[in-house]
Amino acid sequence: MKLSILIDDLFSSSTELFESGALFRETLENLFSRVREWIAGMHLEICTGAEGQFLIGDTPALTFRADGRMGAAIGDANSLILPLGPYRLGAIGPMHNFAALPREAVDHLNRLQVLAADRRVWMHPLANLESFVHSVRPPVAV
């Protein structure tokens, strides 16, 4: 028997699952279950900015590890932050809390939103944050 026929037989069921979309669905359901388990052990923190407003990038949910590294996989993350609007930020982490963040923290989180964004960052029209966004990541000519 030729090796290519053997390989075709071996992968035929996987190919069918992929083409039908069943593999994609199974992957999403598995990820959803894992995230639910992870979040169940976490607590909610709501933050406001003592000064300034929060930006919202097109990739707004950011994960962090205890060592401060951003972009960790859900299973490796210790915290997840998500801007909820210009004046509120939600975080999932090790303890419940309601906190007012100093201007430096708001700027730092905004900088991370800009850097993590794929193409766009949204802000309140009166926030005057355009120059801040461009200082972090200058616009790209299209």
C-alpha atoms as a PDB file:
ATOM      1  CA  MET A   1       0.000   0.000   0.000  1.00  0.00           C
ATOM      2  CA  LYS A   2       1.317   3.412  -0.925  1.00  0.00           C
ATOM      3  CA  LEU A   3       2.130   5.811   1.881  1.00  0.00           C
ATOM      4  CA  SER A   4      -0.082   8.540   0.359  1.00  0.00           C
ATOM      5  CA  ILE A   5      -3.125   6.235   0.441  1.00  0.00           C
ATOM      6  CA  LEU A   6      -2.381   5.334   4.045  1.00  0.00           C
ATOM      7  CA  ILE A   7      -2.105   9.015   4.977  1.00  0.00           C
ATOM      8  CA  ASP A   8      -5.319   9.850   3.097  1.00  0.00           C
ATOM      9  CA  ASP A   9      -7.163   7.135   5.035  1.00  0.00           C
ATOM     10  CA  LEU A  10      -5.695   8.340   8.303  1.00  0.00           C
ATOM     11  CA  PHE A  11      -6.744  11.973   7.787  1.00  0.00           C
ATOM     12  CA  SER A  12     -10.022  11.509   5.882  1.00  0.00           C
ATOM     13  CA  SER A  13     -12.225  11.770   8.989  1.00  0.00           C
ATOM     14  CA  SER A  14     -10.316  14.868  10.164  1.00  0.00           C
ATOM     15  CA  THR A  15     -10.713  16.468   6.747  1.00  0.00           C
ATOM     16  CA  GLU A  16     -14.458  15.782   6.787  1.00  0.00           C
ATOM     17  CA  LEU A  17     -14.758  17.292  10.285  1.00  0.00           C
ATOM     18  CA  PHE A  18     -12.819  20.367   9.169  1.00  0.00           C
ATOM     19  CA  GLU A  19     -14.765  20.888   5.946  1.00  0.00           C
ATOM     20  CA  SER A  20     -18.148  20.467   7.658  1.00  0.00           C
ATOM     21  CA  GLY A  21     -17.264  23.028  10.331  1.00  0.00           C
ATOM     22  CA  ALA A  22     -17.674  20.463  13.118  1.00  0.00           C
ATOM     23  CA  LEU A  23     -14.017  20.756  14.134  1.00  0.00           C
ATOM     24  CA  PHE A  24     -14.309  24.541  14.385  1.00  0.00           C
ATOM     25  CA  ARG A  25     -17.443  24.243  16.510  1.00  0.00           C
ATOM     26  CA  GLU A  26     -15.824  21.654  18.791  1.00  0.00           C
ATOM     27  CA  THR A  27     -12.793  23.911  19.209  1.00  0.00           C
ATOM     28  CA  LEU A  28     -14.968  26.916  20.122  1.00  0.00           C
ATOM     29  CA  GLU A  29     -17.044  24.902  22.587  1.00  0.00           C
ATOM     30  CA  ASN A  30     -13.894  23.547  24.212  1.00  0.00           C
ATOM     31  CA  LEU A  31     -12.407  27.041  24.493  1.00  0.00           C
ATOM     32  CA  PHE A  32     -15.669  28.414  25.921  1.00  0.00           C
ATOM     33  CA  SER A  33     -15.684  25.678  28.606  1.00  0.00           C
ATOM     34  CA  ARG A  34     -12.055  26.327  29.516  1.00  0.00           C
ATOM     35  CA  VAL A  35     -12.642  30.096  29.809  1.00  0.00           C
ATOM     36  CA  ARG A  36     -15.747  29.503  31.962  1.00  0.00           C
ATOM     37  CA  GLU A  37     -13.737  27.291  34.331  1.00  0.00           C
ATOM     38  CA  TRP A  38     -10.943  29.889  34.510  1.00  0.00           C
ATOM     39  CA  ILE A  39     -13.324  32.789  35.179  1.00  0.00           C
ATOM     40  CA  ALA A  40     -15.245  30.824  37.834  1.00  0.00           C
ATOM     41  CA  GLY A  41     -12.189  31.007  40.088  1.00  0.00           C
ATOM     42  CA  MET A  42     -11.606  34.717  39.515  1.00  0.00           C
ATOM     43  CA  HIS A  43     -13.108  37.894  40.955  1.00  0.00           C
ATOM     44  CA  LEU A  44     -14.395  41.126  39.446  1.00  0.00           C
ATOM     45  CA  GLU A  45     -12.676  44.464  39.770  1.00  0.00           C
ATOM     46  CA  ILE A  46     -14.257  47.655  38.455  1.00  0.00           C
ATOM     47  CA  CYS A  47     -11.937  50.593  37.892  1.00  0.00           C
ATOM     48  CA  THR A  48     -12.518  54.234  37.162  1.00  0.00           C
ATOM     49  CA  GLY A  49      -9.900  56.732  36.140  1.00  0.00           C
ATOM     50  CA  ALA A  50      -9.181  59.449  38.679  1.00  0.00           C
ATOM     51  CA  GLU A  51      -8.242  61.519  35.606  1.00  0.00           C
ATOM     52  CA  GLY A  52      -8.631  60.868  31.916  1.00  0.00           C
ATOM     53  CA  GLN A  53     -10.697  58.434  29.908  1.00  0.00           C
ATOM     54  CA  PHE A  54     -10.156  54.891  28.716  1.00  0.00           C
ATOM     55  CA  LEU A  55      -9.611  54.056  25.058  1.00  0.00           C
ATOM     56  CA  ILE A  56     -11.141  50.956  23.524  1.00  0.00           C
ATOM     57  CA  GLY A  57      -9.127  49.157  20.870  1.00  0.00           C
ATOM     58  CA  ASP A  58     -10.448  46.657  18.359  1.00  0.00           C
ATOM     59  CA  THR A  59      -8.850  43.934  20.481  1.00  0.00           C
ATOM     60  CA  PRO A  60     -10.082  45.266  23.842  1.00  0.00           C
ATOM     61  CA  ALA A  61      -9.745  42.262  26.168  1.00  0.00           C
ATOM     62  CA  LEU A  62      -6.132  42.003  27.304  1.00  0.00           C
ATOM     63  CA  THR A  63      -4.709  39.172  29.381  1.00  0.00           C
ATOM     64  CA  PHE A  64      -1.784  39.457  31.789  1.00  0.00           C
ATOM     65  CA  ARG A  65       0.442  37.111  33.720  1.00  0.00           C
ATOM     66  CA  ALA A  66       1.677  37.792  37.235  1.00  0.00           C
ATOM     67  CA  ASP A  67       5.065  38.805  35.775  1.00  0.00           C
ATOM     68  CA  GLY A  68       3.301  41.599  33.840  1.00  0.00           C
ATOM     69  CA  ARG A  69       3.544  39.967  30.426  1.00  0.00           C
ATOM     70  CA  MET A  70       0.606  40.910  28.222  1.00  0.00           C
ATOM     71  CA  GLY A  71      -1.061  38.548  25.795  1.00  0.00           C
ATOM     72  CA  ALA A  72      -0.860  35.376  27.829  1.00  0.00           C
ATOM     73  CA  ALA A  73      -3.162  32.499  26.934  1.00  0.00           C
ATOM     74  CA  ILE A  74      -6.263  32.295  29.131  1.00  0.00           C
ATOM     75  CA  GLY A  75      -4.951  29.287  31.050  1.00  0.00           C
ATOM     76  CA  ASP A  76      -1.663  31.068  31.778  1.00  0.00           C
ATOM     77  CA  ALA A  77      -3.152  34.485  32.593  1.00  0.00           C
ATOM     78  CA  ASN A  78      -3.640  35.877  36.084  1.00  0.00           C
ATOM     79  CA  SER A  79      -5.832  38.750  34.975  1.00  0.00           C
ATOM     80  CA  LEU A  80      -7.929  39.991  32.103  1.00  0.00           C
ATOM     81  CA  ILE A  81      -8.902  43.637  31.562  1.00  0.00           C
ATOM     82  CA  LEU A  82     -11.609  45.081  29.372  1.00  0.00           C
ATOM     83  CA  PRO A  83     -12.553  48.746  28.973  1.00  0.00           C
ATOM     84  CA  LEU A  84     -16.317  49.047  29.414  1.00  0.00           C
ATOM     85  CA  GLY A  85     -16.535  52.657  28.249  1.00  0.00           C
ATOM     86  CA  PRO A  86     -14.637  55.920  28.630  1.00  0.00           C
ATOM     87  CA  TYR A  87     -15.034  55.952  32.424  1.00  0.00           C
ATOM     88  CA  ARG A  88     -15.060  52.286  33.467  1.00  0.00           C
ATOM     89  CA  LEU A  89     -12.744  49.338  33.098  1.00  0.00           C
ATOM     90  CA  GLY A  90     -13.542  45.801  34.173  1.00  0.00           C
ATOM     91  CA  ALA A  91     -10.881  43.387  35.306  1.00  0.00           C
ATOM     92  CA  ILE A  92     -11.011  39.740  36.204  1.00  0.00           C
ATOM     93  CA  GLY A  93      -8.336  38.880  38.693  1.00  0.00           C
ATOM     94  CA  PRO A  94      -7.486  37.456  42.093  1.00  0.00           C
ATOM     95  CA  MET A  95      -9.765  39.675  44.246  1.00  0.00           C
ATOM     96  CA  HIS A  96     -12.953  41.765  44.198  1.00  0.00           C
ATOM     97  CA  ASN A  97     -12.256  45.470  44.205  1.00  0.00           C
ATOM     98  CA  PHE A  98     -13.527  48.884  43.163  1.00  0.00           C
ATOM     99  CA  ALA A  99     -10.650  51.241  42.493  1.00  0.00           C
ATOM    100  CA  ALA A 100      -9.881  54.685  41.130  1.00  0.00           C
ATOM    101  CA  LEU A 101      -6.762  54.476  39.000  1.00  0.00           C
ATOM    102  CA  PRO A 102      -4.282  57.344  38.900  1.00  0.00           C
ATOM    103  CA  ARG A 103      -3.626  59.137  35.616  1.00  0.00           C
ATOM    104  CA  GLU A 104      -0.394  57.172  35.054  1.00  0.00           C
ATOM    105  CA  ALA A 105      -2.292  53.861  35.213  1.00  0.00           C
ATOM    106  CA  VAL A 106      -5.003  55.122  32.835  1.00  0.00           C
ATOM    107  CA  ASP A 107      -2.302  56.260  30.383  1.00  0.00           C
ATOM    108  CA  HIS A 108      -0.498  52.918  30.704  1.00  0.00           C
ATOM    109  CA  LEU A 109      -3.688  50.932  30.031  1.00  0.00           C
ATOM    110  CA  ASN A 110      -4.531  53.221  27.107  1.00  0.00           C
ATOM    111  CA  ARG A 111      -1.044  52.688  25.693  1.00  0.00           C
ATOM    112  CA  LEU A 112      -1.593  48.924  25.897  1.00  0.00           C
ATOM    113  CA  GLN A 113      -4.949  49.269  24.099  1.00  0.00           C
ATOM    114  CA  VAL A 114      -3.253  51.175  21.276  1.00  0.00           C
ATOM    115  CA  LEU A 115      -0.408  48.678  20.994  1.00  0.00           C
ATOM    116  CA  ALA A 116      -2.752  45.668  21.069  1.00  0.00           C
ATOM    117  CA  ALA A 117      -5.162  47.135  18.516  1.00  0.00           C
ATOM    118  CA  ASP A 118      -5.163  45.549  15.115  1.00  0.00           C
ATOM    119  CA  ARG A 119      -6.436  48.572  13.160  1.00  0.00           C
ATOM    120  CA  ARG A 120      -8.606  50.907  15.241  1.00  0.00           C
ATOM    121  CA  VAL A 121      -8.925  52.574  18.620  1.00  0.00           C
ATOM    122  CA  TRP A 122     -12.108  54.304  19.735  1.00  0.00           C
ATOM    123  CA  MET A 123     -12.402  57.211  22.117  1.00  0.00           C
ATOM    124  CA  HIS A 124     -15.047  59.622  23.295  1.00  0.00           C
ATOM    125  CA  PRO A 125     -15.145  62.556  20.818  1.00  0.00           C
ATOM    126  CA  LEU A 126     -14.362  65.080  23.571  1.00  0.00           C
ATOM    127  CA  ALA A 127     -11.546  63.051  25.157  1.00  0.00           C
ATOM    128  CA  ASN A 128      -8.769  64.818  23.210  1.00  0.00           C
ATOM    129  CA  LEU A 129      -6.743  61.623  22.986  1.00  0.00           C
ATOM    130  CA  GLU A 130      -5.846  61.698  19.266  1.00  0.00           C
ATOM    131  CA  SER A 131      -2.327  63.039  19.847  1.00  0.00           C
ATOM    132  CA  PHE A 132      -1.777  60.455  22.615  1.00  0.00           C
ATOM    133  CA  VAL A 133      -2.801  57.626  20.249  1.00  0.00           C
ATOM    134  CA  HIS A 134      -0.537  58.949  17.469  1.00  0.00           C
ATOM    135  CA  SER A 135       2.382  59.322  19.892  1.00  0.00           C
ATOM    136  CA  VAL A 136       2.070  55.640  20.829  1.00  0.00           C
ATOM    137  CA  ARG A 137       1.518  54.368  17.298  1.00  0.00           C
ATOM    138  CA  PRO A 138       1.748  56.793  14.381  1.00  0.00           C
ATOM    139  CA  PRO A 139      -0.827  56.300  11.614  1.00  0.00           C
ATOM    140  CA  VAL A 140       0.138  54.096   8.703  1.00  0.00           C
ATOM    141  CA  ALA A 141      -0.350  55.471   5.192  1.00  0.00           C
ATOM    142  CA  VAL A 142      -2.733  53.316   3.194  1.00  0.00           C
END
